[in-house]
């Protein structure tokens, strides 16, 4: 099994390797989409805009937990795949051990801080007097299970980095099935509403986590963690944080940006907040598919870079961009043709459907640029390029999106708020293309060792 995974990463024809790695990951992301929208779907069937608004307000905060765990998941996965490319299996086991242990410690700290400051956090996120009790109930449960959520994401990233995407897909599928089965039981049968949705979410994530841990227990991993490999050396943290912080900063800034957008939308009423919440859920479908493709690309790029196989690396990125372009065309057609129908899947309230369909049509503009940006950004992270990763992370959801929300909203009202997202994705995609082009040219003309390449790129972007 180990030889098979190493063959996929190092020798299998590129197109087949990407499909082999990305298909299970895309399926996992689709499963994750259903996992994320399950609560919204069932709460929407209560036809209560206030409870739906509460779940929508908590969505960016939920993603914040995932983003924080991404510091360890993304950073650990990038370093792990490069170590495997160099045949450093002991270093790979050390990386997985340190990543998991410190992710768990961080999750405990996040839960404590979040529960202490839960009310001001929800106020900043846009909770009104009517939605606050529902939002507080849901978020308290999610924070209580933050260790489960964060470890589930981090371990999934580590397993994907060593080519075990199918195991992650099965774990995600198990968690989603459990969540879907339990949601109606807790929400309707037991009459718990949003609190029931939160409980079902944590139980589902717990089942997924147990399955992923069993992959380690069965000794199927190339980089199985063990306490004897718990060696918190500076070089390990440096490599994890060098990529993990910029990669997760993008996700963290997205969560902050989403919370700000919900806060601004709250000025237009709970209907606007509910509409935004549903649209974000629908948009998660193409976004997560692109992320799935990019995550499937990551171990291939990281392994090729670690092995100094630049030709395979470049071909992998070109193939992934072609696939993402095809997927973008599909989602463009779907969202432009059926915006109302997609919103109505979640709620039948006429005002929410009407407003949501307009927001979704505007957001659709961003899809081709997301398709360009995601594979390029992931490739930069996989090669261990901390500086350009940081630049992209700061631009997409921080330096561009957050100011755009305030400026466009003040100038054009609700329409300005809606078009802030497409604008940020256009600018960020062009920036990612520019940064990757600089790396690509250096790889093309100077097939240097990875350590040399890092200094070359820093000269390029400085």
Protein backbone atom coordinates (compact mmCIF):
# COMPACT_ATOMS: atom_id res chain seq x y z
CA UNK A 1 0.00 0.00 0.00
CA UNK A 2 2.89 2.40 0.83
CA UNK A 3 4.56 1.68 -2.53
CA UNK A 4 1.28 2.31 -4.32
CA UNK A 5 0.87 5.74 -2.77
CA UNK A 6 4.48 6.66 -3.50
CA UNK A 7 3.97 5.52 -7.10
CA UNK A 8 0.93 7.84 -7.40
CA UNK A 9 2.90 10.81 -6.08
CA UNK A 10 6.11 10.24 -7.99
CA UNK A 11 5.58 8.14 -11.12
CA UNK A 12 1.93 7.80 -12.21
CA UNK A 13 1.03 9.85 -15.34
CA UNK A 14 0.08 13.34 -14.20
CA UNK A 15 -3.52 13.45 -15.41
CA UNK A 16 -4.26 10.06 -13.90
CA UNK A 17 -2.47 11.01 -10.67
CA UNK A 18 -4.51 14.20 -10.29
CA UNK A 19 -7.74 12.32 -10.88
CA UNK A 20 -6.66 9.61 -8.45
CA UNK A 21 -5.81 12.15 -5.74
CA UNK A 22 -8.40 14.83 -6.48
CA UNK A 23 -11.51 12.76 -7.18
CA UNK A 24 -11.81 11.34 -3.66
CA UNK A 25 -10.94 14.78 -2.30
CA UNK A 26 -13.59 16.50 -4.43
CA UNK A 27 -16.10 13.89 -3.28
CA UNK A 28 -14.98 14.60 0.29
CA UNK A 29 -15.52 18.31 -0.27
CA UNK A 30 -18.96 17.68 -1.75
CA UNK A 31 -19.73 15.59 1.29
CA UNK A 32 -18.42 18.49 3.39
CA UNK A 33 -20.74 20.86 1.52
CA UNK A 34 -23.70 18.68 2.37
CA UNK A 35 -22.39 18.47 5.91
CA UNK A 36 -22.25 22.26 6.13
CA UNK A 37 -25.63 22.91 4.53
CA UNK A 38 -27.50 20.19 6.43
CA UNK A 39 -28.16 22.45 9.42
CA UNK A 40 -29.26 25.30 7.15
CA UNK A 41 -31.56 22.99 5.19
CA UNK A 42 -33.37 21.53 8.18
CA UNK A 43 -33.53 24.80 10.13
CA UNK A 44 -34.94 26.40 6.97
CA UNK A 45 -37.80 23.90 7.06
CA UNK A 46 -38.92 25.54 10.31
CA UNK A 47 -39.56 28.59 8.07
CA UNK A 48 -38.29 30.83 10.86
CA UNK A 49 -36.00 33.58 9.49
CA UNK A 50 -34.63 34.27 12.98
CA UNK A 51 -33.36 30.74 13.56
CA UNK A 52 -32.03 30.63 10.00
CA UNK A 53 -30.31 33.96 10.57
CA UNK A 54 -28.76 32.56 13.77
CA UNK A 55 -27.23 29.59 11.93
CA UNK A 56 -26.05 31.92 9.15
CA UNK A 57 -24.37 34.27 11.64
CA UNK A 58 -22.56 31.32 13.25
CA UNK A 59 -21.31 29.96 9.92
CA UNK A 60 -18.25 32.29 9.68
CA UNK A 61 -17.47 31.55 13.33
CA UNK A 62 -17.70 27.82 12.60
CA UNK A 63 -15.33 28.31 9.69
CA UNK A 64 -13.02 30.25 12.00
CA UNK A 65 -12.45 27.05 13.96
CA UNK A 66 -11.61 25.24 10.74
CA UNK A 67 -9.30 28.10 9.77
CA UNK A 68 -7.37 27.94 13.03
CA UNK A 69 -6.97 24.19 12.69
CA UNK A 70 -5.77 24.90 9.16
CA UNK A 71 -2.63 26.47 10.61
CA UNK A 72 -1.64 22.95 11.58
CA UNK A 73 -3.47 21.07 8.82
CA UNK A 74 -2.24 23.10 5.85
CA UNK A 75 1.23 23.72 7.25
CA UNK A 76 1.71 20.15 8.43
CA UNK A 77 0.43 18.73 5.14
CA UNK A 78 2.77 20.90 3.06
CA UNK A 79 5.83 19.95 5.11
CA UNK A 80 4.79 16.29 5.28
CA UNK A 81 4.45 15.90 1.51
CA UNK A 82 7.85 17.54 0.95
CA UNK A 83 9.45 15.20 3.50
CA UNK A 84 7.94 12.19 1.75
CA UNK A 85 9.34 13.48 -1.54
CA UNK A 86 12.79 13.52 0.11
CA UNK A 87 12.23 10.00 1.56
CA UNK A 88 12.53 11.39 5.11
CA UNK A 89 9.98 9.06 6.73
CA UNK A 90 11.12 9.61 10.31
CA UNK A 91 10.78 13.37 9.84
CA UNK A 92 7.32 12.81 8.38
CA UNK A 93 6.21 10.91 11.50
CA UNK A 94 7.60 13.67 13.68
CA UNK A 95 5.67 16.27 11.68
CA UNK A 96 2.35 14.42 11.95
CA UNK A 97 2.80 13.90 15.71
CA UNK A 98 3.68 17.52 16.48
CA UNK A 99 0.88 18.77 14.24
CA UNK A 100 -1.83 16.69 15.91
CA UNK A 101 -0.74 17.30 19.51
CA UNK A 102 -0.44 21.07 19.18
CA UNK A 103 -3.69 21.32 17.20
CA UNK A 104 -5.46 19.63 20.11
CA UNK A 105 -3.87 22.00 22.65
CA UNK A 106 -4.90 24.99 20.55
CA UNK A 107 -8.48 23.73 20.26
CA UNK A 108 -8.85 23.71 24.05
CA UNK A 109 -7.63 27.30 24.27
CA UNK A 110 -10.00 28.39 21.49
CA UNK A 111 -12.99 26.77 23.22
CA UNK A 112 -12.27 28.49 26.54
CA UNK A 113 -11.80 31.95 25.00
CA UNK A 114 -14.84 31.55 22.72
CA UNK A 115 -17.19 30.51 25.52
CA UNK A 116 -16.04 33.37 27.78
CA UNK A 117 -16.61 36.02 25.11
CA UNK A 118 -19.49 34.40 23.21
CA UNK A 119 -21.97 37.25 23.61
CA UNK A 120 -19.74 40.11 22.33
CA UNK A 121 -18.53 37.84 19.52
CA UNK A 122 -22.10 37.25 18.35
CA UNK A 123 -22.91 40.96 18.62
CA UNK A 124 -19.98 41.75 16.34
CA UNK A 125 -21.12 39.00 13.96
CA UNK A 126 -24.50 40.69 13.49
CA UNK A 127 -26.83 38.88 15.92
CA UNK A 128 -29.96 40.90 16.66
CA UNK A 129 -32.03 40.79 19.84
CA UNK A 130 -34.33 38.20 18.22
CA UNK A 131 -31.62 35.97 16.75
CA UNK A 132 -29.15 36.20 19.68
CA UNK A 133 -30.67 33.43 21.87
CA UNK A 134 -30.68 31.00 18.94
CA UNK A 135 -27.17 31.93 17.84
CA UNK A 136 -25.79 31.64 21.37
CA UNK A 137 -27.34 28.19 21.81
CA UNK A 138 -25.88 26.90 18.54
CA UNK A 139 -22.41 28.42 18.94
CA UNK A 140 -22.02 27.21 22.55
CA UNK A 141 -22.40 23.62 21.37
CA UNK A 142 -20.02 24.11 18.44
CA UNK A 143 -17.36 25.65 20.72
CA UNK A 144 -17.81 22.82 23.19
CA UNK A 145 -16.94 20.39 20.40
CA UNK A 146 -14.16 22.47 18.90
CA UNK A 147 -11.50 19.83 19.60
CA UNK A 148 -13.44 17.29 17.55
CA UNK A 149 -13.99 19.71 14.67
CA UNK A 150 -10.40 20.96 14.55
CA UNK A 151 -8.72 17.56 14.88
CA UNK A 152 -11.03 16.13 12.22
CA UNK A 153 -9.90 18.78 9.72
CA UNK A 154 -6.20 18.60 10.61
CA UNK A 155 -5.89 14.83 10.44
CA UNK A 156 -7.79 14.80 7.14
CA UNK A 157 -5.22 17.21 5.67
CA UNK A 158 -2.31 15.09 6.92
CA UNK A 159 -3.76 11.90 5.43
CA UNK A 160 -4.40 13.60 2.09
CA UNK A 161 -0.80 14.82 2.06
CA UNK A 162 0.43 11.22 2.07
CA UNK A 163 -1.98 10.19 -0.70
CA UNK A 164 -4.72 8.65 1.49
CA UNK A 165 -7.57 10.70 0.04
CA UNK A 166 -9.95 7.73 -0.11
CA UNK A 167 -9.72 7.20 3.65
CA UNK A 168 -10.60 10.86 4.23
CA UNK A 169 -13.50 10.59 1.79
CA UNK A 170 -14.93 7.62 3.70
CA UNK A 171 -14.54 9.42 7.02
CA UNK A 172 -16.26 12.56 5.74
CA UNK A 173 -19.03 10.49 4.21
CA UNK A 174 -19.63 8.71 7.51
CA UNK A 175 -19.80 11.99 9.42
CA UNK A 176 -22.20 13.54 6.93
CA UNK A 177 -24.55 10.55 6.94
CA UNK A 178 -24.67 10.63 10.74
CA UNK A 179 -25.31 14.38 10.74
CA UNK A 180 -28.10 14.14 8.16
CA UNK A 181 -29.71 11.28 10.07
CA UNK A 182 -29.58 13.04 13.44
CA UNK A 183 -30.58 16.57 12.37
CA UNK A 184 -34.31 15.88 11.94
CA UNK A 185 -34.32 13.80 15.13
CA UNK A 186 -32.88 16.58 17.30
CA UNK A 187 -34.47 19.54 15.47
CA UNK A 188 -38.02 18.27 14.92
CA UNK A 189 -38.63 15.09 16.89
CA UNK A 190 -37.02 16.35 20.09
CA UNK A 191 -37.99 19.97 19.37
CA UNK A 192 -34.49 21.36 20.04
CA UNK A 193 -34.29 23.65 17.00
CA UNK A 194 -30.86 25.18 16.38
CA UNK A 195 -29.39 23.53 19.50
CA UNK A 196 -30.29 20.14 18.04
CA UNK A 197 -28.54 21.07 14.80
CA UNK A 198 -25.38 21.89 16.74
CA UNK A 199 -25.45 18.58 18.62
CA UNK A 200 -25.92 16.61 15.40
CA UNK A 201 -22.98 18.48 13.84
CA UNK A 202 -20.59 17.57 16.65
CA UNK A 203 -21.68 13.92 16.76
CA UNK A 204 -21.21 13.63 13.01
CA UNK A 205 -17.73 15.17 13.19
CA UNK A 206 -16.88 12.82 16.06
CA UNK A 207 -17.77 9.77 13.98
CA UNK A 208 -15.62 11.06 11.12
CA UNK A 209 -12.70 11.70 13.47
CA UNK A 210 -12.88 8.19 14.93
CA UNK A 211 -12.73 6.70 11.45
CA UNK A 212 -9.68 8.78 10.51
CA UNK A 213 -7.93 7.83 13.75
CA UNK A 214 -8.62 4.16 13.00
CA UNK A 215 -6.54 4.60 9.84
CA UNK A 216 -3.57 5.31 12.09
CA UNK A 217 -4.48 2.55 14.54
CA UNK A 218 -4.51 0.02 11.69
CA UNK A 219 -0.94 1.14 10.83
CA UNK A 220 -1.89 2.05 7.26
CA UNK A 221 -0.16 5.43 7.35
CA UNK A 222 3.16 6.43 5.82
CA UNK A 223 3.60 8.92 8.67
CA UNK A 224 1.85 7.35 11.65
CA UNK A 225 2.05 9.63 14.72
CA UNK A 226 3.48 8.37 17.98
CA UNK A 227 4.40 10.07 21.26
CA UNK A 228 7.99 8.94 20.83
CA UNK A 229 8.09 11.24 17.79
CA UNK A 230 6.82 14.22 19.81
CA UNK A 231 9.90 16.34 19.29
CA UNK A 232 8.83 20.00 19.15
CA UNK A 233 11.90 21.21 17.31
CA UNK A 234 12.10 24.73 15.95
CA UNK A 235 12.57 23.58 12.35
CA UNK A 236 9.29 21.64 12.49
CA UNK A 237 7.31 24.60 13.82
CA UNK A 238 9.02 26.92 11.36
CA UNK A 239 7.97 24.81 8.39
CA UNK A 240 4.43 24.27 9.70
CA UNK A 241 3.83 27.93 10.51
CA UNK A 242 5.61 29.25 7.42
CA UNK A 243 2.82 27.81 5.27
CA UNK A 244 0.09 27.13 7.83
CA UNK A 245 -0.23 30.73 9.01
CA UNK A 246 -0.50 32.32 5.54
CA UNK A 247 -2.83 29.54 4.32
CA UNK A 248 -5.06 29.80 7.36
CA UNK A 249 -4.81 33.56 7.47
CA UNK A 250 -6.72 33.53 4.20
CA UNK A 251 -9.43 31.37 5.77
CA UNK A 252 -9.41 33.38 8.99
CA UNK A 253 -9.72 36.63 7.07
CA UNK A 254 -12.54 35.06 5.07
CA UNK A 255 -14.35 34.20 8.30
CA UNK A 256 -13.79 37.71 9.65
CA UNK A 257 -14.88 39.18 6.32
CA UNK A 258 -18.01 37.05 6.29
CA UNK A 259 -18.83 38.07 9.84
CA UNK A 260 -18.37 41.72 8.89
CA UNK A 261 -20.57 41.28 5.82
CA UNK A 262 -23.27 39.69 7.98
CA UNK A 263 -22.92 42.56 10.43
CA UNK A 264 -23.37 45.09 7.63
CA UNK A 265 -26.23 43.05 6.15
CA UNK A 266 -27.93 43.11 9.56
CA UNK A 267 -28.50 46.81 8.94
CA UNK A 268 -30.93 45.75 6.21
CA UNK A 269 -32.85 43.38 8.53
CA UNK A 270 -32.89 39.69 9.46
CA UNK A 271 -34.24 38.80 6.01
CA UNK A 272 -31.04 40.14 4.45
CA UNK A 273 -28.93 38.15 6.91
CA UNK A 274 -30.90 34.98 6.16
CA UNK A 275 -30.54 35.58 2.40
CA UNK A 276 -26.79 36.08 2.71
CA UNK A 277 -26.54 32.93 4.79
CA UNK A 278 -28.31 30.79 2.22
CA UNK A 279 -26.25 32.24 -0.64
CA UNK A 280 -23.00 31.49 1.19
CA UNK A 281 -24.18 27.89 1.58
CA UNK A 282 -24.99 27.61 -2.14
CA UNK A 283 -21.68 29.23 -3.11
CA UNK A 284 -19.86 26.73 -0.94
CA UNK A 285 -20.61 24.11 -3.60
CA UNK A 286 -18.26 25.48 -6.32
CA UNK A 287 -15.81 26.82 -3.74
CA UNK A 288 -15.44 23.48 -1.98
CA UNK A 289 -15.15 21.62 -5.29
CA UNK A 290 -12.29 23.93 -6.29
CA UNK A 291 -10.73 23.48 -2.86
CA UNK A 292 -11.09 19.71 -3.24
CA UNK A 293 -9.32 19.78 -6.59
CA UNK A 294 -6.59 22.00 -5.14
CA UNK A 295 -6.09 19.82 -2.07
CA UNK A 296 -5.79 16.82 -4.37
CA UNK A 297 -3.14 18.73 -6.29
CA UNK A 298 -1.20 19.70 -3.14
CA UNK A 299 0.57 16.39 -2.35
CA UNK A 300 1.53 15.98 -6.01
CA UNK A 301 3.10 19.45 -6.16
CA UNK A 302 4.74 19.13 -2.75
CA UNK A 303 6.18 15.69 -3.50
CA UNK A 304 7.43 16.78 -6.95
CA UNK A 305 9.02 19.89 -5.48
CA UNK A 306 10.65 17.91 -2.67
CA UNK A 307 11.98 15.43 -5.25
CA UNK A 308 13.21 18.34 -7.45
CA UNK A 309 11.02 17.09 -10.32
CA UNK A 310 10.03 20.48 -11.74
CA UNK A 311 8.69 19.13 -15.02
CA UNK A 312 6.12 16.97 -13.23
CA UNK A 313 5.26 19.88 -10.94
CA UNK A 314 4.52 22.27 -13.81
CA UNK A 315 2.49 19.72 -15.73
CA UNK A 316 0.44 18.99 -12.61
CA UNK A 317 -0.48 22.66 -12.18
CA UNK A 318 -1.41 23.12 -15.85
CA UNK A 319 -3.62 20.03 -15.80
CA UNK A 320 -5.35 21.13 -12.60
CA UNK A 321 -6.08 24.58 -14.06
CA UNK A 322 -7.67 23.01 -17.13
CA UNK A 323 -9.93 20.85 -14.94
CA UNK A 324 -10.90 23.79 -12.71
CA UNK A 325 -11.79 25.85 -15.80
CA UNK A 326 -14.20 23.17 -16.96
CA UNK A 327 -15.80 22.99 -13.51
CA UNK A 328 -16.17 26.78 -13.41
CA UNK A 329 -18.08 26.76 -16.70
CA UNK A 330 -20.50 24.17 -15.31
CA UNK A 331 -21.25 26.12 -12.12
CA UNK A 332 -21.61 29.39 -14.01
CA UNK A 333 -24.34 27.90 -16.17
CA UNK A 334 -26.09 26.27 -13.21
CA UNK A 335 -26.19 29.37 -11.01
CA UNK A 336 -27.14 31.81 -13.76
CA UNK A 337 -29.99 29.62 -15.01
CA UNK A 338 -31.51 28.52 -11.68
CA UNK A 339 -30.77 31.06 -8.91
CA UNK A 340 -34.29 31.14 -7.42
CA UNK A 341 -34.64 27.38 -7.44
CA UNK A 342 -31.33 26.97 -5.62
CA UNK A 343 -32.33 29.43 -2.88
CA UNK A 344 -35.79 27.90 -2.55
CA UNK A 345 -34.23 24.54 -1.68
CA UNK A 346 -33.43 25.97 1.76
CA UNK A 347 -36.39 28.22 2.58
CA UNK A 348 -39.76 29.08 1.10
CA UNK A 349 -40.00 32.58 2.56
CA UNK A 350 -40.69 34.80 -0.48
CA UNK A 351 -38.59 37.76 0.64
CA UNK A 352 -35.56 35.60 1.41
CA UNK A 353 -35.81 33.79 -1.94
CA UNK A 354 -36.15 37.05 -3.87
CA UNK A 355 -33.23 38.77 -2.18
CA UNK A 356 -31.10 35.61 -2.15
CA UNK A 357 -31.47 35.00 -5.89
CA UNK A 358 -30.18 38.51 -6.65
CA UNK A 359 -27.18 38.05 -4.33
CA UNK A 360 -26.38 34.64 -5.83
CA UNK A 361 -26.42 36.02 -9.38
CA UNK A 362 -23.89 38.69 -8.39
CA UNK A 363 -21.67 36.21 -6.54
CA UNK A 364 -21.57 34.00 -9.64
CA UNK A 365 -19.18 36.49 -11.26
CA UNK A 366 -16.49 35.29 -8.84
CA UNK A 367 -16.57 31.62 -9.89
CA UNK A 368 -14.06 31.71 -12.82
CA UNK A 369 -11.61 33.69 -10.72
CA UNK A 370 -11.94 31.26 -7.80
CA UNK A 371 -11.20 28.46 -10.28
CA UNK A 372 -7.98 30.22 -11.25
CA UNK A 373 -6.95 31.31 -7.79
CA UNK A 374 -7.39 28.10 -5.76
CA UNK A 375 -4.98 25.77 -7.66
CA UNK A 376 -2.35 28.49 -7.92
CA UNK A 377 -2.54 29.41 -4.24
CA UNK A 378 -2.40 25.75 -3.15
CA UNK A 379 0.58 25.09 -5.42
CA UNK A 380 2.46 28.03 -3.91
CA UNK A 381 1.72 26.67 -0.41
CA UNK A 382 2.74 23.13 -1.39
CA UNK A 383 6.15 24.38 -2.49
CA UNK A 384 6.70 25.99 0.91
CA UNK A 385 6.63 29.57 -0.39
CA UNK A 386 5.67 31.45 2.76
CA UNK A 387 6.05 35.03 1.51
CA UNK A 388 3.76 34.86 -1.56
CA UNK A 389 1.31 32.72 0.42
CA UNK A 390 1.12 35.49 2.99
CA UNK A 391 0.60 38.14 0.30
CA UNK A 392 -2.30 36.24 -1.26
CA UNK A 393 -3.83 35.52 2.14
CA UNK A 394 -3.78 39.18 3.13
CA UNK A 395 -5.13 40.41 -0.20
CA UNK A 396 -8.14 38.23 -0.86
CA UNK A 397 -10.14 38.56 2.32
CA UNK A 398 -8.32 41.27 4.23
CA UNK A 399 -6.74 44.06 2.24
CA UNK A 400 -9.38 43.87 -0.50
CA UNK A 401 -12.64 42.33 0.72
CA UNK A 402 -13.09 44.00 4.11
CA UNK A 403 -12.45 47.56 2.86
CA UNK A 404 -14.61 46.83 -0.20
CA UNK A 405 -17.54 45.82 2.04
CA UNK A 406 -17.50 49.16 3.87
CA UNK A 407 -16.64 51.39 0.90
CA UNK A 408 -19.06 49.87 -1.63
CA UNK A 409 -21.84 49.62 0.95
CA UNK A 410 -21.45 53.31 1.84
CA UNK A 411 -21.44 54.31 -1.84
CA UNK A 412 -24.06 51.97 -3.33
CA UNK A 413 -25.96 50.54 -0.37
CA UNK A 414 -26.96 46.87 -0.45
CA UNK A 415 -25.85 46.43 -4.08
CA UNK A 416 -22.36 47.59 -3.13
CA UNK A 417 -22.23 45.08 -0.29
CA UNK A 418 -23.18 42.29 -2.70
CA UNK A 419 -20.50 43.09 -5.29
CA UNK A 420 -17.66 43.37 -2.76
CA UNK A 421 -16.99 39.61 -2.97
CA UNK A 422 -16.67 39.33 -6.78
CA UNK A 423 -14.35 42.34 -6.81
CA UNK A 424 -12.03 40.81 -4.20
CA UNK A 425 -11.86 37.49 -6.06
CA UNK A 426 -11.00 39.18 -9.35
CA UNK A 427 -8.12 41.14 -7.80
CA UNK A 428 -6.83 38.19 -5.76
CA UNK A 429 -6.89 35.80 -8.72
CA UNK A 430 -4.83 38.21 -10.80
CA UNK A 431 -2.36 38.63 -7.93
CA UNK A 432 -2.03 34.84 -7.50
CA UNK A 433 -1.40 34.51 -11.23
CA UNK A 434 1.31 37.17 -11.09
CA UNK A 435 3.10 35.57 -8.12
CA UNK A 436 2.92 32.06 -9.53
CA UNK A 437 4.21 33.29 -12.90
CA UNK A 438 7.35 34.56 -11.17
CA UNK A 439 7.91 31.17 -9.55
CA UNK A 440 7.12 29.33 -12.78
CA UNK A 441 9.67 31.33 -14.78
CA UNK A 442 12.40 30.56 -12.26
CA UNK A 443 11.54 26.86 -12.31
CA UNK A 444 11.58 26.91 -16.10
CA UNK A 445 14.96 28.54 -16.53
CA UNK A 446 16.70 27.58 -13.29
CA UNK A 447 15.91 24.02 -12.13
CA UNK A 448 17.44 24.78 -8.74
CA UNK A 449 17.21 22.96 -5.44
CA UNK A 450 14.24 23.98 -3.21
CA UNK A 451 16.42 25.93 -0.76
CA UNK A 452 17.85 28.05 -3.59
CA UNK A 453 14.41 28.62 -5.07
CA UNK A 454 13.09 30.16 -1.87
CA UNK A 455 15.66 32.96 -2.07
CA UNK A 456 14.99 33.46 -5.78
CA UNK A 457 11.27 33.92 -5.15
CA UNK A 458 11.81 36.32 -2.27
CA UNK A 459 13.81 38.48 -4.68
CA UNK A 460 10.96 38.21 -7.19
CA UNK A 461 8.20 39.38 -4.86
CA UNK A 462 10.16 41.95 -2.86
